[in-house]
């Protein structure tokens, strides 16, 4: 095989590798963008006044956070949002009761 044929073959192989790498990077980038859109959608649902929509949002968070497309930073964002929402829900929970018995009389401090 002449030298010119070898050069053409090597250039062709390098071009194929370059195109393949570009397509993989583009696909990965698009998939990550879609994953972030799903996270945003879940966040919108969790802040809904509709309890069913909020529950759906939290269920979807559980699924989305397990995706391999989510980076550790995005996973930390999801965790932080869920912890904040949990603390907020516990602080506003009307079903919580004091464990101390309520009496109408005041105790004599003597």
PDB file of N, CA and C in Angstrom:
ATOM      1  N   UNK A   1       0.863  -1.164   0.000  1.00  0.00           N
ATOM      2  CA  UNK A   1       0.000   0.000   0.000  1.00  0.00           C
ATOM      3  C   UNK A   1       0.915   1.234   0.000  1.00  0.00           C
ATOM      4  N   UNK A   2       0.640   2.183  -0.876  1.00  0.00           N
ATOM      5  CA  UNK A   2       1.480   3.377  -0.925  1.00  0.00           C
ATOM      6  C   UNK A   2       1.251   4.276   0.294  1.00  0.00           C
ATOM      7  N   UNK A   3       2.183   5.156   0.559  1.00  0.00           N
ATOM      8  CA  UNK A   3       2.141   6.048   1.715  1.00  0.00           C
ATOM      9  C   UNK A   3       0.906   6.935   1.702  1.00  0.00           C
ATOM     10  N   UNK A   4       0.505   7.382   0.510  1.00  0.00           N
ATOM     11  CA  UNK A   4      -0.669   8.261   0.415  1.00  0.00           C
ATOM     12  C   UNK A   4      -1.928   7.526   0.871  1.00  0.00           C
ATOM     13  N   UNK A   5      -2.048   6.253   0.600  1.00  0.00           N
ATOM     14  CA  UNK A   5      -3.204   5.458   1.020  1.00  0.00           C
ATOM     15  C   UNK A   5      -3.215   5.323   2.541  1.00  0.00           C
ATOM     16  N   UNK A   6      -2.044   5.127   3.158  1.00  0.00           N
ATOM     17  CA  UNK A   6      -1.955   5.045   4.600  1.00  0.00           C
ATOM     18  C   UNK A   6      -2.373   6.354   5.268  1.00  0.00           C
ATOM     19  N   UNK A   7      -1.911   7.450   4.721  1.00  0.00           N
ATOM     20  CA  UNK A   7      -2.266   8.762   5.276  1.00  0.00           C
ATOM     21  C   UNK A   7      -3.773   8.969   5.183  1.00  0.00           C
ATOM     22  N   UNK A   8      -4.358   8.619   4.030  1.00  0.00           N
ATOM     23  CA  UNK A   8      -5.804   8.769   3.839  1.00  0.00           C
ATOM     24  C   UNK A   8      -6.564   7.899   4.829  1.00  0.00           C
ATOM     25  N   UNK A   9      -6.092   6.667   5.039  1.00  0.00           N
ATOM     26  CA  UNK A   9      -6.740   5.762   5.980  1.00  0.00           C
ATOM     27  C   UNK A   9      -6.664   6.305   7.411  1.00  0.00           C
ATOM     28  N   UNK A  10      -5.494   6.778   7.819  1.00  0.00           N
ATOM     29  CA  UNK A  10      -5.319   7.314   9.168  1.00  0.00           C
ATOM     30  C   UNK A  10      -6.180   8.556   9.374  1.00  0.00           C
ATOM     31  N   UNK A  11      -6.232   9.455   8.404  1.00  0.00           N
ATOM     32  CA  UNK A  11      -7.063  10.657   8.505  1.00  0.00           C
ATOM     33  C   UNK A  11      -8.542  10.270   8.605  1.00  0.00           C
ATOM     34  N   UNK A  12      -8.945   9.280   7.827  1.00  0.00           N
ATOM     35  CA  UNK A  12     -10.334   8.817   7.865  1.00  0.00           C
ATOM     36  C   UNK A  12     -10.699   8.241   9.221  1.00  0.00           C
ATOM     37  N   UNK A  13      -9.790   7.448   9.799  1.00  0.00           N
ATOM     38  CA  UNK A  13     -10.038   6.861  11.123  1.00  0.00           C
ATOM     39  C   UNK A  13     -10.119   7.954  12.191  1.00  0.00           C
ATOM     40  N   UNK A  14      -9.194   8.910  12.152  1.00  0.00           N
ATOM     41  CA  UNK A  14      -9.221  10.012  13.125  1.00  0.00           C
ATOM     42  C   UNK A  14     -10.489  10.844  12.988  1.00  0.00           C
ATOM     43  N   UNK A  15     -10.936  11.076  11.765  1.00  0.00           N
ATOM     44  CA  UNK A  15     -12.172  11.843  11.549  1.00  0.00           C
ATOM     45  C   UNK A  15     -13.375  11.094  12.117  1.00  0.00           C
ATOM     46  N   UNK A  16     -13.401   9.780  11.918  1.00  0.00           N
ATOM     47  CA  UNK A  16     -14.502   8.966  12.444  1.00  0.00           C
ATOM     48  C   UNK A  16     -14.524   9.007  13.977  1.00  0.00           C
ATOM     49  N   UNK A  17     -13.357   8.903  14.580  1.00  0.00           N
ATOM     50  CA  UNK A  17     -13.264   8.980  16.042  1.00  0.00           C
ATOM     51  C   UNK A  17     -13.738  10.343  16.539  1.00  0.00           C
ATOM     52  N   UNK A  18     -13.346  11.410  15.861  1.00  0.00           N
ATOM     53  CA  UNK A  18     -13.766  12.756  16.244  1.00  0.00           C
ATOM     54  C   UNK A  18     -15.268  12.944  16.151  1.00  0.00           C
ATOM     55  N   UNK A  19     -15.855  12.457  15.077  1.00  0.00           N
ATOM     56  CA  UNK A  19     -17.307  12.585  14.898  1.00  0.00           C
ATOM     57  C   UNK A  19     -18.036  11.775  15.970  1.00  0.00           C
ATOM     58  N   UNK A  20     -17.557  10.574  16.250  1.00  0.00           N
ATOM     59  CA  UNK A  20     -18.189   9.723  17.265  1.00  0.00           C
ATOM     60  C   UNK A  20     -18.125  10.384  18.640  1.00  0.00           C
ATOM     61  N   UNK A  21     -16.973  10.941  18.995  1.00  0.00           N
ATOM     62  CA  UNK A  21     -16.831  11.617  20.291  1.00  0.00           C
ATOM     63  C   UNK A  21     -17.753  12.822  20.383  1.00  0.00           C
ATOM     64  N   UNK A  22     -17.869  13.570  19.308  1.00  0.00           N
ATOM     65  CA  UNK A  22     -18.748  14.743  19.291  1.00  0.00           C
ATOM     66  C   UNK A  22     -20.206  14.337  19.483  1.00  0.00           C
ATOM     67  N   UNK A  23     -20.622  13.291  18.797  1.00  0.00           N
ATOM     68  CA  UNK A  23     -22.009  12.826  18.927  1.00  0.00           C
ATOM     69  C   UNK A  23     -22.301  12.324  20.340  1.00  0.00           C
ATOM     70  N   UNK A  24     -21.353  11.610  20.950  1.00  0.00           N
ATOM     71  CA  UNK A  24     -21.559  11.144  22.326  1.00  0.00           C
ATOM     72  C   UNK A  24     -21.683  12.312  23.286  1.00  0.00           C
ATOM     73  N   UNK A  25     -20.810  13.300  23.132  1.00  0.00           N
ATOM     74  CA  UNK A  25     -20.844  14.464  24.021  1.00  0.00           C
ATOM     75  C   UNK A  25     -22.148  15.221  23.853  1.00  0.00           C
ATOM     76  N   UNK A  26     -22.590  15.375  22.632  1.00  0.00           N
ATOM     77  CA  UNK A  26     -23.840  16.095  22.361  1.00  0.00           C
ATOM     78  C   UNK A  26     -25.031  15.354  22.953  1.00  0.00           C
ATOM     79  N   UNK A  27     -25.060  14.040  22.764  1.00  0.00           N
ATOM     80  CA  UNK A  27     -26.153  13.234  23.308  1.00  0.00           C
ATOM     81  C   UNK A  27     -26.169  13.309  24.833  1.00  0.00           C
ATOM     82  N   UNK A  28     -24.998  13.197  25.439  1.00  0.00           N
ATOM     83  CA  UNK A  28     -24.907  13.284  26.894  1.00  0.00           C
ATOM     84  C   UNK A  28     -25.381  14.648  27.393  1.00  0.00           C
ATOM     85  N   UNK A  29     -24.974  15.696  26.709  1.00  0.00           N
ATOM     86  CA  UNK A  29     -25.373  17.048  27.097  1.00  0.00           C
ATOM     87  C   UNK A  29     -26.888  17.233  26.989  1.00  0.00           C
ATOM     88  N   UNK A  30     -27.463  16.737  25.914  1.00  0.00           N
ATOM     89  CA  UNK A  30     -28.925  16.845  25.743  1.00  0.00           C
ATOM     90  C   UNK A  30     -29.661  16.036  26.806  1.00  0.00           C
ATOM     91  N   UNK A  31     -29.149  14.858  27.122  1.00  0.00           N
ATOM     92  CA  UNK A  31     -29.787  14.037  28.157  1.00  0.00           C
ATOM     93  C   UNK A  31     -29.718  14.704  29.527  1.00  0.00           C
ATOM     94  N   UNK A  32     -28.588  15.326  29.838  1.00  0.00           N
ATOM     95  CA  UNK A  32     -28.457  16.019  31.114  1.00  0.00           C
ATOM     96  C   UNK A  32     -29.403  17.226  31.168  1.00  0.00           C
ATOM     97  N   UNK A  33     -29.555  17.924  30.035  1.00  0.00           N
ATOM     98  CA  UNK A  33     -30.479  19.057  30.001  1.00  0.00           C
ATOM     99  C   UNK A  33     -31.911  18.578  30.261  1.00  0.00           C
ATOM    100  N   UNK A  34     -32.273  17.441  29.688  1.00  0.00           N
ATOM    101  CA  UNK A  34     -33.603  16.877  29.919  1.00  0.00           C
ATOM    102  C   UNK A  34     -33.776  16.484  31.386  1.00  0.00           C
ATOM    103  N   UNK A  35     -32.725  15.920  31.972  1.00  0.00           N
ATOM    104  CA  UNK A  35     -32.795  15.540  33.387  1.00  0.00           C
ATOM    105  C   UNK A  35     -33.019  16.773  34.258  1.00  0.00           C
ATOM    106  N   UNK A  36     -32.334  17.874  33.955  1.00  0.00           N
ATOM    107  CA  UNK A  36     -32.512  19.086  34.742  1.00  0.00           C
ATOM    108  C   UNK A  36     -33.916  19.657  34.556  1.00  0.00           C
ATOM    109  N   UNK A  37     -34.470  19.533  33.351  1.00  0.00           N
ATOM    110  CA  UNK A  37     -35.853  19.974  33.141  1.00  0.00           C
ATOM    111  C   UNK A  37     -36.810  19.151  33.992  1.00  0.00           C
ATOM    112  N   UNK A  38     -36.536  17.857  34.119  1.00  0.00           N
ATOM    113  CA  UNK A  38     -37.385  17.011  34.972  1.00  0.00           C
ATOM    114  C   UNK A  38     -37.272  17.432  36.437  1.00  0.00           C
ATOM    115  N   UNK A  39     -36.056  17.759  36.871  1.00  0.00           N
ATOM    116  CA  UNK A  39     -35.871  18.222  38.248  1.00  0.00           C
ATOM    117  C   UNK A  39     -36.665  19.509  38.472  1.00  0.00           C
ATOM    118  N   UNK A  40     -36.587  20.438  37.523  1.00  0.00           N
ATOM    119  CA  UNK A  40     -37.329  21.706  37.634  1.00  0.00           C
ATOM    120  C   UNK A  40     -38.831  21.445  37.679  1.00  0.00           C
ATOM    121  N   UNK A  41     -39.290  20.527  36.867  1.00  0.00           N
ATOM    122  CA  UNK A  41     -40.714  20.186  36.839  1.00  0.00           C
ATOM    123  C   UNK A  41     -41.130  19.606  38.194  1.00  0.00           C
ATOM    124  N   UNK A  42     -40.314  18.721  38.754  1.00  0.00           N
ATOM    125  CA  UNK A  42     -40.617  18.154  40.075  1.00  0.00           C
ATOM    126  C   UNK A  42     -40.686  19.249  41.130  1.00  0.00           C
ATOM    127  N   UNK A  43     -39.746  20.188  41.068  1.00  0.00           N
ATOM    128  CA  UNK A  43     -39.733  21.284  42.044  1.00  0.00           C
ATOM    129  C   UNK A  43     -41.011  22.103  41.953  1.00  0.00           C
ATOM    130  N   UNK A  44     -41.454  22.382  40.738  1.00  0.00           N
ATOM    131  CA  UNK A  44     -42.702  23.129  40.577  1.00  0.00           C
ATOM    132  C   UNK A  44     -43.879  22.361  41.162  1.00  0.00           C
ATOM    133  N   UNK A  45     -43.890  21.048  40.952  1.00  0.00           N
ATOM    134  CA  UNK A  45     -44.991  20.251  41.503  1.00  0.00           C
ATOM    135  C   UNK A  45     -44.969  20.218  43.023  1.00  0.00           C
ATOM    136  N   UNK A  46     -43.802  20.099  43.608  1.00  0.00           N
ATOM    137  CA  UNK A  46     -43.725  19.990  45.068  1.00  0.00           C
ATOM    138  C   UNK A  46     -44.173  21.262  45.770  1.00  0.00           C
ATOM    139  N   UNK A  47     -44.093  22.391  45.096  1.00  0.00           N
ATOM    140  CA  UNK A  47     -44.517  23.648  45.710  1.00  0.00           C
ATOM    141  C   UNK A  47     -45.973  23.978  45.405  1.00  0.00           C
ATOM    142  N   UNK A  48     -46.656  23.056  44.760  1.00  0.00           N
ATOM    143  CA  UNK A  48     -48.054  23.265  44.410  1.00  0.00           C
ATOM    144  C   UNK A  48     -48.937  23.253  45.652  1.00  0.00           C
ATOM    145  N   UNK A  49     -50.017  24.016  45.608  1.00  0.00           N
ATOM    146  CA  UNK A  49     -50.989  24.010  46.696  1.00  0.00           C
ATOM    147  C   UNK A  49     -51.842  22.743  46.678  1.00  0.00           C
ATOM    148  N   UNK A  50     -51.887  22.107  45.519  1.00  0.00           N
ATOM    149  CA  UNK A  50     -52.638  20.861  45.362  1.00  0.00           C
ATOM    150  C   UNK A  50     -51.822  19.717  45.971  1.00  0.00           C
ATOM    151  N   UNK A  51     -52.373  19.061  46.980  1.00  0.00           N
ATOM    152  CA  UNK A  51     -51.643  17.993  47.676  1.00  0.00           C
ATOM    153  C   UNK A  51     -51.289  16.836  46.752  1.00  0.00           C
ATOM    154  N   UNK A  52     -52.173  16.497  45.836  1.00  0.00           N
ATOM    155  CA  UNK A  52     -51.891  15.388  44.918  1.00  0.00           C
ATOM    156  C   UNK A  52     -50.718  15.732  43.996  1.00  0.00           C
ATOM    157  N   UNK A  53     -50.669  16.960  43.521  1.00  0.00           N
ATOM    158  CA  UNK A  53     -49.558  17.386  42.657  1.00  0.00           C
ATOM    159  C   UNK A  53     -48.254  17.416  43.440  1.00  0.00           C
ATOM    160  N   UNK A  54     -48.302  17.880  44.674  1.00  0.00           N
ATOM    161  CA  UNK A  54     -47.093  17.915  45.507  1.00  0.00           C
ATOM    162  C   UNK A  54     -46.589  16.495  45.781  1.00  0.00           C
ATOM    163  N   UNK A  55     -47.502  15.589  46.045  1.00  0.00           N
ATOM    164  CA  UNK A  55     -47.106  14.199  46.283  1.00  0.00           C
ATOM    165  C   UNK A  55     -46.477  13.591  45.036  1.00  0.00           C
ATOM    166  N   UNK A  56     -47.048  13.891  43.876  1.00  0.00           N
ATOM    167  CA  UNK A  56     -46.472  13.420  42.613  1.00  0.00           C
ATOM    168  C   UNK A  56     -45.064  13.986  42.426  1.00  0.00           C
ATOM    169  N   UNK A  57     -44.886  15.249  42.752  1.00  0.00           N
ATOM    170  CA  UNK A  57     -43.572  15.870  42.630  1.00  0.00           C
ATOM    171  C   UNK A  57     -42.534  15.174  43.487  1.00  0.00           C
ATOM    172  N   UNK A  58     -42.893  14.850  44.741  1.00  0.00           N
ATOM    173  CA  UNK A  58     -41.941  14.167  45.620  1.00  0.00           C
ATOM    174  C   UNK A  58     -41.659  12.756  45.134  1.00  0.00           C
ATOM    175  N   UNK A  59     -42.664  12.084  44.616  1.00  0.00           N
ATOM    176  CA  UNK A  59     -42.450  10.739  44.070  1.00  0.00           C
ATOM    177  C   UNK A  59     -41.504  10.797  42.876  1.00  0.00           C
ATOM    178  N   UNK A  60     -41.708  11.792  42.017  1.00  0.00           N
ATOM    179  CA  UNK A  60     -40.835  11.948  40.853  1.00  0.00           C
ATOM    180  C   UNK A  60     -39.422  12.320  41.278  1.00  0.00           C
ATOM    181  N   UNK A  61     -39.268  13.118  42.323  1.00  0.00           N
ATOM    182  CA  UNK A  61     -37.939  13.460  42.841  1.00  0.00           C
ATOM    183  C   UNK A  61     -37.168  12.190  43.178  1.00  0.00           C
ATOM    184  N   UNK A  62     -37.843  11.269  43.816  1.00  0.00           N
ATOM    185  CA  UNK A  62     -37.208  10.016  44.200  1.00  0.00           C
ATOM    186  C   UNK A  62     -36.681   9.284  42.967  1.00  0.00           C
ATOM    187  N   UNK A  63     -37.454   9.269  41.904  1.00  0.00           N
ATOM    188  CA  UNK A  63     -37.050   8.597  40.677  1.00  0.00           C
ATOM    189  C   UNK A  63     -35.954   9.362  39.955  1.00  0.00           C
ATOM    190  N   UNK A  64     -36.122  10.655  39.810  1.00  0.00           N
ATOM    191  CA  UNK A  64     -35.160  11.476  39.065  1.00  0.00           C
ATOM    192  C   UNK A  64     -33.803  11.504  39.764  1.00  0.00           C
ATOM    193  N   UNK A  65     -33.799  11.517  41.071  1.00  0.00           N
ATOM    194  CA  UNK A  65     -32.527  11.615  41.797  1.00  0.00           C
ATOM    195  C   UNK A  65     -31.672  10.363  41.644  1.00  0.00           C
ATOM    196  N   UNK A  66     -32.248   9.273  41.188  1.00  0.00           N
ATOM    197  CA  UNK A  66     -31.489   8.036  40.986  1.00  0.00           C
ATOM    198  C   UNK A  66     -30.868   7.945  39.595  1.00  0.00           C
ATOM    199  N   UNK A  67     -31.149   8.914  38.749  1.00  0.00           N
ATOM    200  CA  UNK A  67     -30.642   8.897  37.378  1.00  0.00           C
ATOM    201  C   UNK A  67     -29.122   9.026  37.345  1.00  0.00           C
ATOM    202  N   UNK A  68     -28.491   8.319  36.439  1.00  0.00           N
ATOM    203  CA  UNK A  68     -27.038   8.407  36.268  1.00  0.00           C
ATOM    204  C   UNK A  68     -26.637   9.716  35.601  1.00  0.00           C
ATOM    205  N   UNK A  69     -27.604  10.422  35.053  1.00  0.00           N
ATOM    206  CA  UNK A  69     -27.314  11.691  34.388  1.00  0.00           C
ATOM    207  C   UNK A  69     -27.171  12.842  35.374  1.00  0.00           C
ATOM    208  N   UNK A  70     -27.625  12.639  36.602  1.00  0.00           N
ATOM    209  CA  UNK A  70     -27.575  13.683  37.616  1.00  0.00           C
ATOM    210  C   UNK A  70     -26.176  13.728  38.221  1.00  0.00           C
ATOM    211  N   UNK A  71     -25.609  14.919  38.279  1.00  0.00           N
ATOM    212  CA  UNK A  71     -24.287  15.087  38.872  1.00  0.00           C
ATOM    213  C   UNK A  71     -24.408  15.120  40.401  1.00  0.00           C
ATOM    214  N   UNK A  72     -23.314  14.914  41.110  1.00  0.00           N
ATOM    215  CA  UNK A  72     -23.366  15.004  42.573  1.00  0.00           C
ATOM    216  C   UNK A  72     -23.878  16.369  43.066  1.00  0.00           C
ATOM    217  N   UNK A  73     -23.531  17.430  42.372  1.00  0.00           N
ATOM    218  CA  UNK A  73     -24.013  18.761  42.766  1.00  0.00           C
ATOM    219  C   UNK A  73     -25.526  18.850  42.634  1.00  0.00           C
ATOM    220  N   UNK A  74     -26.054  18.346  41.533  1.00  0.00           N
ATOM    221  CA  UNK A  74     -27.512  18.372  41.347  1.00  0.00           C
ATOM    222  C   UNK A  74     -28.200  17.492  42.380  1.00  0.00           C
ATOM    223  N   UNK A  75     -27.574  16.365  42.728  1.00  0.00           N
ATOM    224  CA  UNK A  75     -28.128  15.493  43.755  1.00  0.00           C
ATOM    225  C   UNK A  75     -28.157  16.216  45.102  1.00  0.00           C
ATOM    226  N   UNK A  76     -27.115  17.004  45.377  1.00  0.00           N
ATOM    227  CA  UNK A  76     -27.091  17.805  46.606  1.00  0.00           C
ATOM    228  C   UNK A  76     -28.197  18.852  46.610  1.00  0.00           C
ATOM    229  N   UNK A  77     -28.474  19.445  45.446  1.00  0.00           N
ATOM    230  CA  UNK A  77     -29.564  20.423  45.339  1.00  0.00           C
ATOM    231  C   UNK A  77     -30.890  19.755  45.669  1.00  0.00           C
ATOM    232  N   UNK A  78     -31.110  18.586  45.110  1.00  0.00           N
ATOM    233  CA  UNK A  78     -32.355  17.852  45.374  1.00  0.00           C
ATOM    234  C   UNK A  78     -32.466  17.535  46.866  1.00  0.00           C
ATOM    235  N   UNK A  79     -31.378  17.081  47.459  1.00  0.00           N
ATOM    236  CA  UNK A  79     -31.388  16.744  48.881  1.00  0.00           C
ATOM    237  C   UNK A  79     -31.673  17.981  49.736  1.00  0.00           C
ATOM    238  N   UNK A  80     -31.052  19.099  49.395  1.00  0.00           N
ATOM    239  CA  UNK A  80     -31.248  20.328  50.159  1.00  0.00           C
ATOM    240  C   UNK A  80     -32.691  20.808  50.069  1.00  0.00           C
ATOM    241  N   UNK A  81     -33.253  20.764  48.876  1.00  0.00           N
ATOM    242  CA  UNK A  81     -34.646  21.186  48.692  1.00  0.00           C
ATOM    243  C   UNK A  81     -35.573  20.285  49.492  1.00  0.00           C
ATOM    244  N   UNK A  82     -35.336  18.989  49.439  1.00  0.00           N
ATOM    245  CA  UNK A  82     -36.224  18.076  50.161  1.00  0.00           C
ATOM    246  C   UNK A  82     -36.103  18.248  51.678  1.00  0.00           C
ATOM    247  N   UNK A  83     -34.881  18.473  52.172  1.00  0.00           N
ATOM    248  CA  UNK A  83     -34.717  18.701  53.607  1.00  0.00           C
ATOM    249  C   UNK A  83     -35.396  19.999  54.042  1.00  0.00           C
ATOM    250  N   UNK A  84     -35.262  21.036  53.232  1.00  0.00           N
ATOM    251  CA  UNK A  84     -35.901  22.316  53.550  1.00  0.00           C
ATOM    252  C   UNK A  84     -37.421  22.154  53.573  1.00  0.00           C
ATOM    253  N   UNK A  85     -37.945  21.471  52.573  1.00  0.00           N
ATOM    254  CA  UNK A  85     -39.396  21.278  52.503  1.00  0.00           C
ATOM    255  C   UNK A  85     -39.892  20.442  53.678  1.00  0.00           C
ATOM    256  N   UNK A  86     -39.103  19.458  54.072  1.00  0.00           N
ATOM    257  CA  UNK A  86     -39.502  18.621  55.198  1.00  0.00           C
ATOM    258  C   UNK A  86     -39.546  19.439  56.488  1.00  0.00           C
ATOM    259  N   UNK A  87     -38.509  20.259  56.714  1.00  0.00           N
ATOM    260  CA  UNK A  87     -38.510  21.102  57.917  1.00  0.00           C
ATOM    261  C   UNK A  87     -39.676  22.084  57.890  1.00  0.00           C
ATOM    262  N   UNK A  88     -39.948  22.634  56.736  1.00  0.00           N
ATOM    263  CA  UNK A  88     -41.052  23.598  56.608  1.00  0.00           C
ATOM    264  C   UNK A  88     -42.387  22.912  56.874  1.00  0.00           C
ATOM    265  N   UNK A  89     -42.547  21.708  56.332  1.00  0.00           N
ATOM    266  CA  UNK A  89     -43.804  20.984  56.534  1.00  0.00           C
ATOM    267  C   UNK A  89     -43.990  20.606  58.001  1.00  0.00           C
ATOM    268  N   UNK A  90     -42.912  20.206  58.652  1.00  0.00           N
ATOM    269  CA  UNK A  90     -43.020  19.851  60.070  1.00  0.00           C
ATOM    270  C   UNK A  90     -43.327  21.069  60.924  1.00  0.00           C
ATOM    271  N   UNK A  91     -42.785  22.218  60.550  1.00  0.00           N
ATOM    272  CA  UNK A  91     -43.030  23.436  61.318  1.00  0.00           C
ATOM    273  C   UNK A  91     -44.463  23.917  61.168  1.00  0.00           C
ATOM    274  N   UNK A  92     -45.088  23.624  60.046  1.00  0.00           N
ATOM    275  CA  UNK A  92     -46.447  24.106  59.786  1.00  0.00           C
ATOM    276  C   UNK A  92     -47.502  23.023  59.958  1.00  0.00           C
ATOM    277  N   UNK A  93     -47.117  21.843  60.386  1.00  0.00           N
ATOM    278  CA  UNK A  93     -48.049  20.735  60.489  1.00  0.00           C
ATOM    279  C   UNK A  93     -49.102  21.028  61.549  1.00  0.00           C
ATOM    280  N   UNK A  94     -50.360  21.175  61.135  1.00  0.00           N
ATOM    281  CA  UNK A  94     -51.426  21.476  62.105  1.00  0.00           C
ATOM    282  C   UNK A  94     -51.807  20.262  62.943  1.00  0.00           C
ATOM    283  N   UNK A  95     -51.357  19.069  62.569  1.00  0.00           N
ATOM    284  CA  UNK A  95     -51.733  17.867  63.302  1.00  0.00           C
ATOM    285  C   UNK A  95     -50.856  17.619  64.522  1.00  0.00           C
ATOM    286  N   UNK A  96     -49.815  18.402  64.686  1.00  0.00           N
ATOM    287  CA  UNK A  96     -48.949  18.194  65.843  1.00  0.00           C
ATOM    288  C   UNK A  96     -49.625  18.741  67.088  1.00  0.00           C
ATOM    289  N   UNK A  97     -49.422  18.044  68.167  1.00  0.00           N
ATOM    290  CA  UNK A  97     -50.041  18.457  69.424  1.00  0.00           C
ATOM    291  C   UNK A  97     -48.970  18.530  70.502  1.00  0.00           C
ATOM    292  N   UNK A  98     -49.245  19.337  71.491  1.00  0.00           N
ATOM    293  CA  UNK A  98     -48.360  19.371  72.647  1.00  0.00           C
ATOM    294  C   UNK A  98     -48.577  18.094  73.434  1.00  0.00           C
ATOM    295  N   UNK A  99     -47.508  17.600  74.014  1.00  0.00           N
ATOM    296  CA  UNK A  99     -47.648  16.400  74.827  1.00  0.00           C
ATOM    297  C   UNK A  99     -48.005  16.735  76.261  1.00  0.00           C
ATOM    298  N   UNK A 100     -47.886  18.005  76.636  1.00  0.00           N
ATOM    299  CA  UNK A 100     -48.235  18.448  77.980  1.00  0.00           C
ATOM    300  C   UNK A 100     -49.753  18.585  78.087  1.00  0.00           C
ATOM    301  N   UNK A 101     -50.327  18.108  79.160  1.00  0.00           N
ATOM    302  CA  UNK A 101     -51.773  18.291  79.331  1.00  0.00           C
ATOM    303  C   UNK A 101     -52.087  19.765  79.568  1.00  0.00           C
ATOM    304  N   UNK A 102     -53.140  20.223  78.969  1.00  0.00           N
ATOM    305  CA  UNK A 102     -53.552  21.612  79.101  1.00  0.00           C
ATOM    306  C   UNK A 102     -54.547  21.726  80.256  1.00  0.00           C
ATOM    307  N   UNK A 103     -54.276  22.651  81.147  1.00  0.00           N
ATOM    308  CA  UNK A 103     -55.194  22.905  82.266  1.00  0.00           C
ATOM    309  C   UNK A 103     -55.504  24.390  82.286  1.00  0.00           C
ATOM    310  N   UNK A 104     -56.654  24.720  82.780  1.00  0.00           N
ATOM    311  CA  UNK A 104     -57.064  26.122  82.857  1.00  0.00           C
ATOM    312  C   UNK A 104     -56.547  26.798  84.118  1.00  0.00           C
ATOM    313  N   UNK A 105     -56.107  26.029  85.054  1.00  0.00           N
ATOM    314  CA  UNK A 105     -55.626  26.635  86.316  1.00  0.00           C
ATOM    315  C   UNK A 105     -54.123  26.796  86.261  1.00  0.00           C
ATOM    316  N   UNK A 106     -53.674  27.840  86.919  1.00  0.00           N
ATOM    317  CA  UNK A 106     -52.247  28.055  86.998  1.00  0.00           C
ATOM    318  C   UNK A 106     -51.725  27.437  88.294  1.00  0.00           C
ATOM    319  N   UNK A 107     -50.513  26.949  88.222  1.00  0.00           N
ATOM    320  CA  UNK A 107     -49.931  26.314  89.396  1.00  0.00           C
ATOM    321  C   UNK A 107     -49.447  27.381  90.383  1.00  0.00           C
ATOM    322  N   UNK A 108     -49.569  27.044  91.649  1.00  0.00           N
ATOM    323  CA  UNK A 108     -49.077  27.934  92.699  1.00  0.00           C
ATOM    324  C   UNK A 108     -47.571  27.755  92.808  1.00  0.00           C
ATOM    325  N   UNK A 109     -46.754  28.813  92.592  1.00  0.00           N
ATOM    326  CA  UNK A 109     -45.299  28.652  92.581  1.00  0.00           C
ATOM    327  C   UNK A 109     -44.691  28.408  93.942  1.00  0.00           C
ATOM    328  N   UNK A 110     -45.450  28.435  95.063  1.00  0.00           N
ATOM    329  CA  UNK A 110     -44.877  28.263  96.400  1.00  0.00           C
ATOM    330  C   UNK A 110     -44.485  26.891  96.663  1.00  0.00           C
TER     331      UNK A 110
END
